[in-house]
Amino acid sequence: MSGSFTQRGELDIADGLLILATGKKKSGKSILGKVLFLSYPGDKIVIDVAGDDGPTQDVIELRGTVQDLPRRWPEEQREHPDQYLTLRYVPDLGSPTVLEDIDVVVGLALSHGRDQHHRGRRGCCVLIHEIGKVAPAGRTKPHMARALGQNRHYNTTVIMCGPRPQTIDPLALQQCDLVYIFEILNPADRARLAETIGWDPKDLDAAIEDLGRHEYLRFDCNEEKPDPGEEDIRLIHFPALPQDLVDQAQAA
């Protein structure tokens, strides 16, 4: 079992994980992302590109563009030292600086994660819905590039959700600790996943075809390739999330 999991096999949302959940619309990827995000025991930021993926409850809304977004964490809104804050940013997709706008928020998460670590606290977690619009191939902005390549140095966990592996920055796949794969219809996206994780394309196709409604595969990039005769637990087929978890995430 890799270092990302407890002895019981449960995911430990540690500081400095990169997680990607990918699959077609309404496959369950965004719900899984929210479940993981809500389990993080520390301060959090959600970048909600569509504006309806959330969470939306008990959040501090960030507003504005690159000129007026905050560069420091709103500590004045923390009612007591043990309270965790969740910030939410819905970017204006019509803004001429939309990628720069979002990058300011990613930078806020990175600086806060590093600051929290220096204070001996848990870092920060970022949930990004529609990662293809935040880290598009060839157009990723500086803070997002740091998040993909150096997030551990900033003690920041990044959870990314999106439907098209082929259109996102290659680092969003290559640097991942965990990849959650829901139903994917596009052959090019399947091929991109197989190539990046080093899996036989035909075997990955078969595994995806075997998925039931809202079921998913988890590829653990930190798990070592097994020796001959040992079970390969890098790619595991999981059932759909329990309904109580889905209900909690949808209500958040």
Protein backbone atom coordinates (compact mmCIF):
# COMPACT_ATOMS: atom_id res chain seq x y z
CA MET A 1 0.00 0.00 0.00
CA SER A 2 1.45 3.35 -1.03
CA GLY A 3 2.07 6.25 1.34
CA SER A 4 -1.18 7.94 0.28
CA PHE A 5 -3.29 5.36 2.10
CA THR A 6 -3.83 4.29 5.70
CA GLN A 7 -3.34 0.72 6.87
CA ARG A 8 -7.09 0.20 6.30
CA GLY A 9 -6.70 1.20 2.67
CA GLU A 10 -8.43 4.55 3.16
CA LEU A 11 -7.11 7.61 1.35
CA ASP A 12 -5.09 9.95 3.53
CA ILE A 13 -5.61 13.44 2.12
CA ALA A 14 -2.09 14.47 3.01
CA ASP A 15 -0.40 17.75 2.18
CA GLY A 16 1.02 17.73 -1.30
CA LEU A 17 -1.09 15.23 -3.25
CA LEU A 18 -2.07 15.72 -6.88
CA ILE A 19 -5.34 13.96 -7.73
CA LEU A 20 -7.18 13.83 -11.06
CA ALA A 21 -10.76 12.61 -11.51
CA THR A 22 -11.72 12.28 -15.15
CA GLY A 23 -14.73 11.01 -17.07
CA LYS A 24 -17.67 12.09 -19.18
CA LYS A 25 -20.33 14.51 -17.93
CA LYS A 26 -22.42 13.14 -15.06
CA SER A 27 -20.16 10.13 -14.66
CA GLY A 28 -19.49 10.93 -11.01
CA LYS A 29 -16.07 12.59 -11.18
CA SER A 30 -17.17 15.92 -9.70
CA ILE A 31 -18.97 14.22 -6.81
CA LEU A 32 -15.86 12.19 -6.02
CA GLY A 33 -13.78 15.35 -6.16
CA LYS A 34 -16.12 17.03 -3.67
CA VAL A 35 -16.09 14.02 -1.35
CA LEU A 36 -12.28 14.05 -1.25
CA PHE A 37 -12.19 17.83 -0.89
CA LEU A 38 -14.66 17.89 2.00
CA SER A 39 -12.62 15.26 3.84
CA TYR A 40 -9.52 17.49 3.90
CA PRO A 41 -8.84 18.58 7.50
CA GLY A 42 -7.65 22.11 6.84
CA ASP A 43 -8.26 25.30 4.87
CA LYS A 44 -9.58 24.88 1.36
CA ILE A 45 -10.31 26.72 -1.89
CA VAL A 46 -12.68 25.60 -4.64
CA ILE A 47 -12.34 27.01 -8.15
CA ASP A 48 -15.82 26.40 -9.54
CA VAL A 49 -15.55 27.19 -13.24
CA ALA A 50 -19.15 26.30 -14.13
CA GLY A 51 -20.50 27.95 -10.99
CA ASP A 52 -22.70 25.03 -9.98
CA ASP A 53 -20.36 22.24 -8.87
CA GLY A 54 -19.58 23.58 -5.40
CA PRO A 55 -19.38 23.19 -2.56
CA THR A 56 -21.42 26.36 -2.05
CA GLN A 57 -22.41 26.08 1.62
CA ASP A 58 -20.40 27.76 4.41
CA VAL A 59 -17.94 29.28 1.98
CA ILE A 60 -16.31 32.69 1.66
CA GLU A 61 -16.88 33.98 -1.86
CA LEU A 62 -13.93 35.50 -3.71
CA ARG A 63 -14.85 38.05 -6.36
CA GLY A 64 -13.10 40.08 -9.00
CA THR A 65 -10.33 39.71 -11.53
CA VAL A 66 -6.53 39.84 -11.49
CA GLN A 67 -6.53 43.49 -10.43
CA ASP A 68 -8.65 43.16 -7.29
CA LEU A 69 -8.57 39.53 -6.09
CA PRO A 70 -6.97 39.16 -2.64
CA ARG A 71 -3.35 38.05 -2.32
CA ARG A 72 -3.60 37.13 1.35
CA TRP A 73 -5.73 34.67 3.28
CA PRO A 74 -8.77 36.27 5.03
CA GLU A 75 -7.64 35.41 8.56
CA GLU A 76 -9.95 38.10 9.94
CA GLN A 77 -12.90 35.85 9.05
CA ARG A 78 -11.65 32.97 11.18
CA GLU A 79 -13.83 33.04 14.30
CA HIS A 80 -11.53 30.80 16.35
CA PRO A 81 -8.07 29.25 15.78
CA ASP A 82 -9.41 25.75 15.11
CA GLN A 83 -11.92 26.86 12.46
CA TYR A 84 -11.17 25.79 8.89
CA LEU A 85 -12.09 28.25 6.15
CA THR A 86 -13.35 27.32 2.69
CA LEU A 87 -13.01 29.92 -0.07
CA ARG A 88 -14.87 29.70 -3.39
CA TYR A 89 -14.10 31.43 -6.64
CA VAL A 90 -16.35 31.42 -9.69
CA PRO A 91 -14.33 32.99 -12.53
CA ASP A 92 -15.91 35.16 -15.17
CA LEU A 93 -15.31 33.15 -18.33
CA GLY A 94 -15.92 36.31 -20.34
CA SER A 95 -13.02 38.10 -18.67
CA PRO A 96 -10.16 38.81 -21.10
CA THR A 97 -7.81 37.82 -18.28
CA VAL A 98 -9.70 34.73 -17.08
CA LEU A 99 -6.62 32.47 -16.90
CA GLU A 100 -4.69 35.16 -15.02
CA ASP A 101 -7.70 35.69 -12.71
CA ILE A 102 -7.79 32.01 -11.79
CA ASP A 103 -4.02 31.92 -11.41
CA VAL A 104 -4.20 34.56 -8.67
CA VAL A 105 -6.46 32.22 -6.68
CA VAL A 106 -4.13 29.25 -7.23
CA GLY A 107 -1.27 31.44 -6.03
CA LEU A 108 -3.28 32.34 -2.92
CA ALA A 109 -3.67 28.64 -2.14
CA LEU A 110 0.04 27.93 -2.63
CA SER A 111 1.22 30.80 -0.45
CA HIS A 112 -1.29 29.90 2.26
CA GLY A 113 -0.28 26.24 2.20
CA ARG A 114 3.36 27.15 2.67
CA ASP A 115 2.53 29.67 5.39
CA GLN A 116 0.42 27.13 7.26
CA HIS A 117 3.27 24.63 7.16
CA HIS A 118 5.66 27.18 8.61
CA ARG A 119 3.17 27.61 11.46
CA GLY A 120 3.15 23.86 12.07
CA ARG A 121 -0.37 23.40 10.68
CA ARG A 122 -1.98 21.45 7.87
CA GLY A 123 -1.44 23.11 4.48
CA CYS A 124 -4.18 23.90 1.98
CA CYS A 125 -6.37 21.98 -0.48
CA VAL A 126 -7.61 23.22 -3.86
CA LEU A 127 -10.51 21.66 -5.76
CA ILE A 128 -10.59 22.62 -9.44
CA HIS A 129 -13.67 21.84 -11.48
CA GLU A 130 -13.08 21.82 -15.26
CA ILE A 131 -9.30 21.54 -15.08
CA GLY A 132 -9.11 21.80 -18.87
CA LYS A 133 -10.14 25.46 -18.61
CA VAL A 134 -7.69 26.17 -15.77
CA ALA A 135 -4.64 24.28 -17.07
CA PRO A 136 -5.12 23.99 -20.85
CA ALA A 137 -2.26 22.34 -22.72
CA GLY A 138 0.32 24.94 -23.71
CA ARG A 139 -1.34 27.82 -21.85
CA THR A 140 -0.90 27.03 -18.15
CA LYS A 141 -0.13 30.10 -16.06
CA PRO A 142 2.79 30.36 -13.58
CA HIS A 143 1.06 29.57 -10.27
CA MET A 144 -0.82 26.64 -11.79
CA ALA A 145 2.44 25.37 -13.29
CA ARG A 146 3.97 25.52 -9.81
CA ALA A 147 1.00 23.67 -8.39
CA LEU A 148 1.47 20.88 -10.95
CA GLY A 149 5.23 20.63 -10.59
CA GLN A 150 6.02 21.73 -7.03
CA ASN A 151 2.84 21.42 -4.97
CA ARG A 152 4.60 19.40 -2.26
CA HIS A 153 6.96 22.31 -1.62
CA TYR A 154 3.89 24.43 -0.91
CA ASN A 155 2.11 21.75 1.18
CA THR A 156 -0.87 22.05 -1.10
CA THR A 157 -3.12 19.21 -2.23
CA VAL A 158 -4.75 19.77 -5.63
CA ILE A 159 -7.86 17.85 -6.71
CA MET A 160 -8.63 18.29 -10.41
CA CYS A 161 -11.83 17.25 -12.19
CA GLY A 162 -12.37 17.26 -15.94
CA PRO A 163 -13.73 15.27 -18.88
CA ARG A 164 -10.87 15.42 -21.42
CA PRO A 165 -7.39 14.17 -20.44
CA GLN A 166 -6.15 14.96 -23.94
CA THR A 167 -6.71 18.73 -23.65
CA ILE A 168 -5.10 19.41 -20.26
CA ASP A 169 -1.51 20.31 -19.43
CA PRO A 170 0.57 17.10 -19.62
CA LEU A 171 1.87 17.69 -16.08
CA ALA A 172 -1.68 17.36 -14.75
CA LEU A 173 -1.38 13.67 -15.61
CA GLN A 174 2.34 13.05 -15.39
CA GLN A 175 2.69 14.43 -11.86
CA CYS A 176 -0.45 12.88 -10.39
CA ASP A 177 -0.34 10.66 -7.33
CA LEU A 178 -3.82 9.27 -8.01
CA VAL A 179 -5.97 9.14 -11.13
CA TYR A 180 -9.67 8.31 -10.77
CA ILE A 181 -11.10 7.14 -14.10
CA PHE A 182 -14.84 7.17 -14.72
CA GLU A 183 -16.57 6.32 -18.01
CA ILE A 184 -14.64 7.85 -20.91
CA LEU A 185 -16.04 7.64 -24.44
CA ASN A 186 -13.32 9.32 -26.50
CA PRO A 187 -10.66 6.84 -27.71
CA ALA A 188 -7.99 9.56 -27.83
CA ASP A 189 -8.61 10.39 -24.16
CA ARG A 190 -8.32 6.71 -23.23
CA ALA A 191 -5.10 6.43 -25.22
CA ARG A 192 -3.67 9.53 -23.52
CA LEU A 193 -4.43 8.04 -20.10
CA ALA A 194 -2.92 4.66 -20.96
CA GLU A 195 0.23 6.25 -22.36
CA THR A 196 0.72 8.49 -19.34
CA ILE A 197 0.17 5.89 -16.63
CA GLY A 198 2.08 3.24 -18.56
CA TRP A 199 -0.82 0.81 -18.97
CA ASP A 200 -1.62 -1.35 -21.95
CA PRO A 201 -4.24 0.58 -23.98
CA LYS A 202 -6.30 -2.53 -24.72
CA ASP A 203 -6.35 -3.49 -21.03
CA LEU A 204 -7.39 0.02 -20.00
CA ASP A 205 -10.13 0.04 -22.65
CA ALA A 206 -11.43 -3.26 -21.31
CA ALA A 207 -11.34 -2.00 -17.72
CA ILE A 208 -13.26 1.16 -18.64
CA GLU A 209 -15.81 -0.83 -20.66
CA ASP A 210 -16.38 -3.00 -17.59
CA LEU A 211 -17.42 -0.01 -15.46
CA GLY A 212 -21.03 0.18 -14.33
CA ARG A 213 -22.95 3.41 -13.74
CA HIS A 214 -20.85 5.76 -11.56
CA GLU A 215 -18.24 3.07 -10.94
CA TYR A 216 -14.61 4.03 -11.38
CA LEU A 217 -11.01 2.90 -11.60
CA ARG A 218 -8.28 4.22 -9.32
CA PHE A 219 -4.71 4.24 -10.56
CA ASP A 220 -2.15 4.73 -7.80
CA CYS A 221 0.93 6.22 -9.44
CA ASN A 222 2.97 5.74 -6.24
CA GLU A 223 2.36 2.00 -6.06
CA GLU A 224 5.27 -0.03 -7.37
CA LYS A 225 4.92 -2.51 -10.20
CA PRO A 226 4.50 -5.95 -8.63
CA ASP A 227 6.99 -8.75 -8.90
CA PRO A 228 6.07 -11.73 -11.08
CA GLY A 229 3.24 -13.70 -9.48
CA GLU A 230 2.12 -10.84 -7.22
CA GLU A 231 -1.23 -9.08 -7.55
CA ASP A 232 -1.10 -5.77 -9.40
CA ILE A 233 -2.98 -3.29 -7.23
CA ARG A 234 -2.00 -0.15 -9.10
CA LEU A 235 -5.30 -0.15 -11.03
CA ILE A 236 -8.37 -1.09 -8.98
CA HIS A 237 -12.07 -1.19 -9.97
CA PHE A 238 -14.29 0.46 -7.36
CA PRO A 239 -18.08 0.37 -6.99
CA ALA A 240 -20.10 3.58 -7.14
CA LEU A 241 -19.80 5.83 -4.10
CA PRO A 242 -22.29 5.04 -1.32
CA GLN A 243 -25.47 7.09 -1.66
CA ASP A 244 -25.02 8.73 1.75
CA LEU A 245 -21.67 10.17 0.64
CA VAL A 246 -23.17 11.35 -2.63
CA ASP A 247 -26.06 13.02 -0.77
CA GLN A 248 -23.66 14.77 1.63
CA ALA A 249 -21.51 16.06 -1.23
CA GLN A 250 -24.51 17.28 -3.24
CA ALA A 251 -25.88 19.13 -0.20
CA ALA A 252 -22.56 20.87 0.54
